[in-house]
C-alpha atoms as a PDB file:
ATOM      1  CA  MET A   1    -305.519 -28.911   4.861  1.00  0.00           C
ATOM      2  CA  ARG A   2    -307.935 -31.767   4.861  1.00  0.00           C
ATOM      3  CA  THR A   3    -309.785 -33.094   7.904  1.00  0.00           C
ATOM      4  CA  ALA A   4    -311.769 -36.367   7.927  1.00  0.00           C
ATOM      5  CA  ILE A   5    -314.577 -36.602  10.411  1.00  0.00           C
ATOM      6  CA  ASN A   6    -317.409 -39.131  10.990  1.00  0.00           C
ATOM      7  CA  ILE A   7    -321.035 -38.072  10.296  1.00  0.00           C
ATOM      8  CA  HIS A   8    -322.131 -38.304  13.907  1.00  0.00           C
ATOM      9  CA  GLU A   9    -319.368 -35.938  15.055  1.00  0.00           C
ATOM     10  CA  ALA A  10    -320.138 -33.687  12.067  1.00  0.00           C
ATOM     11  CA  LYS A  11    -323.721 -33.272  13.131  1.00  0.00           C
ATOM     12  CA  THR A  12    -322.636 -32.569  16.742  1.00  0.00           C
ATOM     13  CA  HIS A  13    -320.131 -29.927  15.710  1.00  0.00           C
ATOM     14  CA  LEU A  14    -321.559 -28.529  12.550  1.00  0.00           C
ATOM     15  CA  SER A  15    -321.172 -24.818  13.447  1.00  0.00           C
ATOM     16  CA  ARG A  16    -317.423 -25.330  14.328  1.00  0.00           C
ATOM     17  CA  LEU A  17    -316.873 -27.201  11.063  1.00  0.00           C
ATOM     18  CA  VAL A  18    -318.580 -24.519   9.028  1.00  0.00           C
ATOM     19  CA  GLU A  19    -316.293 -21.957  10.662  1.00  0.00           C
ATOM     20  CA  GLN A  20    -313.257 -24.097   9.844  1.00  0.00           C
ATOM     21  CA  ALA A  21    -314.364 -24.525   6.226  1.00  0.00           C
ATOM     22  CA  SER A  22    -314.909 -20.761   5.933  1.00  0.00           C
ATOM     23  CA  THR A  23    -311.203 -20.217   6.682  1.00  0.00           C
ATOM     24  CA  GLY A  24    -310.212 -22.488   3.806  1.00  0.00           C
ATOM     25  CA  GLU A  25    -310.014 -25.863   5.476  1.00  0.00           C
ATOM     26  CA  GLU A  26    -311.548 -28.792   3.538  1.00  0.00           C
ATOM     27  CA  ILE A  27    -313.520 -31.236   5.713  1.00  0.00           C
ATOM     28  CA  ILE A  28    -314.396 -34.685   4.566  1.00  0.00           C
ATOM     29  CA  ILE A  29    -317.488 -36.262   6.229  1.00  0.00           C
ATOM     30  CA  ALA A  30    -317.383 -40.058   6.351  1.00  0.00           C
ATOM     31  CA  LYS A  31    -319.956 -42.685   7.251  1.00  0.00           C
ATOM     32  CA  ALA A  32    -318.469 -45.924   8.522  1.00  0.00           C
ATOM     33  CA  GLY A  33    -315.019 -44.795   7.391  1.00  0.00           C
ATOM     34  CA  LYS A  34    -316.267 -44.223   3.815  1.00  0.00           C
ATOM     35  CA  PRO A  35    -316.046 -40.618   2.588  1.00  0.00           C
ATOM     36  CA  MET A  36    -319.450 -39.334   1.713  1.00  0.00           C
ATOM     37  CA  ALA A  37    -319.311 -35.592   1.439  1.00  0.00           C
ATOM     38  CA  ARG A  38    -316.889 -32.687   1.399  1.00  0.00           C
ATOM     39  CA  LEU A  39    -317.359 -29.324   3.201  1.00  0.00           C
ATOM     40  CA  VAL A  40    -315.466 -26.532   1.403  1.00  0.00           C
ATOM     41  CA  PRO A  41    -315.586 -22.750   1.512  1.00  0.00           C
ATOM     42  CA  LEU A  42    -317.664 -20.956  -1.050  1.00  0.00           C
ATOM     43  CA  ALA A  43    -315.837 -19.109  -3.789  1.00  0.00           C
ATOM     44  CA  PRO A  44    -315.951 -15.341  -3.381  1.00  0.00           C
ATOM     45  CA  ALA A  45    -318.799 -13.640  -5.158  1.00  0.00           C
ATOM     46  CA  VAL A  46    -317.789 -12.003  -8.433  1.00  0.00           C
ATOM     47  CA  LYS A  47    -318.744  -8.350  -8.568  1.00  0.00           C
ATOM     48  CA  PRO A  48    -320.518  -7.340 -11.746  1.00  0.00           C
ATOM     49  CA  LYS A  49    -318.632  -4.956 -14.015  1.00  0.00           C
ATOM     50  CA  LYS A  50    -319.735  -1.405 -13.801  1.00  0.00           C
ATOM     51  CA  LEU A  51    -320.330   0.108 -17.199  1.00  0.00           C
ATOM     52  CA  GLY A  52    -319.696   3.747 -18.073  1.00  0.00           C
ATOM     53  CA  LEU A  53    -316.693   4.332 -15.767  1.00  0.00           C
ATOM     54  CA  LEU A  54    -315.029   6.577 -18.403  1.00  0.00           C
ATOM     55  CA  GLN A  55    -318.204   8.306 -19.539  1.00  0.00           C
ATOM     56  CA  GLY A  56    -317.395  11.954 -20.014  1.00  0.00           C
ATOM     57  CA  LYS A  57    -313.613  11.407 -19.617  1.00  0.00           C
ATOM     58  CA  ILE A  58    -312.701  10.327 -23.120  1.00  0.00           C
ATOM     59  CA  GLY A  59    -314.025  11.395 -26.531  1.00  0.00           C
ATOM     60  CA  ILE A  60    -313.979  10.317 -30.172  1.00  0.00           C
ATOM     61  CA  ALA A  61    -313.363  12.736 -32.931  1.00  0.00           C
ATOM     62  CA  ALA A  62    -316.368  13.444 -35.157  1.00  0.00           C
ATOM     63  CA  ASP A  63    -314.375  12.370 -38.210  1.00  0.00           C
ATOM     64  CA  PHE A  64    -312.818   9.188 -36.738  1.00  0.00           C
ATOM     65  CA  ASP A  65    -314.316   7.053 -39.515  1.00  0.00           C
ATOM     66  CA  ALA A  66    -313.604   9.519 -42.355  1.00  0.00           C
ATOM     67  CA  PRO A  67    -311.521   8.174 -45.313  1.00  0.00           C
ATOM     68  CA  LEU A  68    -307.770   8.484 -44.890  1.00  0.00           C
ATOM     69  CA  PRO A  69    -305.898  11.044 -47.100  1.00  0.00           C
ATOM     70  CA  ALA A  70    -304.480   9.597 -50.251  1.00  0.00           C
ATOM     71  CA  ASP A  71    -300.877  10.379 -49.275  1.00  0.00           C
ATOM     72  CA  PHE A  72    -301.300   8.348 -46.096  1.00  0.00           C
ATOM     73  CA  LEU A  73    -302.525   5.182 -47.894  1.00  0.00           C
ATOM     74  CA  LEU A  74    -300.121   2.505 -48.945  1.00  0.00           C
ATOM     75  CA  THR A  75    -299.785   2.198 -52.706  1.00  0.00           C
ATOM     76  CA  GLY A  76    -299.026  -1.389 -53.406  1.00  0.00           C
ATOM     77  CA  SER A  77    -295.288  -0.875 -53.829  1.00  0.00           C
ATOM     78  CA  LYS A  78    -292.903  -2.164 -51.193  1.00  0.00           C
ATOM     79  CA  PRO A  79    -290.722   0.382 -49.315  1.00  0.00           C
END
């Protein structure tokens, strides 16, 4: 929802307007009927990713990068 308010009233009721904006309301501040500024809520802070959540819970085989057996490799002929 948008609310338009003149600058004098905005100065008088700034605390109330900030509370309204924090609940998601957009407030337009105008001077002589001309929109001059917009008061909007801040975007929620993005939490940094925590690395190593699976440390010690998964493992990789020691030979994971070893060559594949010859009978497993495709030969060039189509099935």
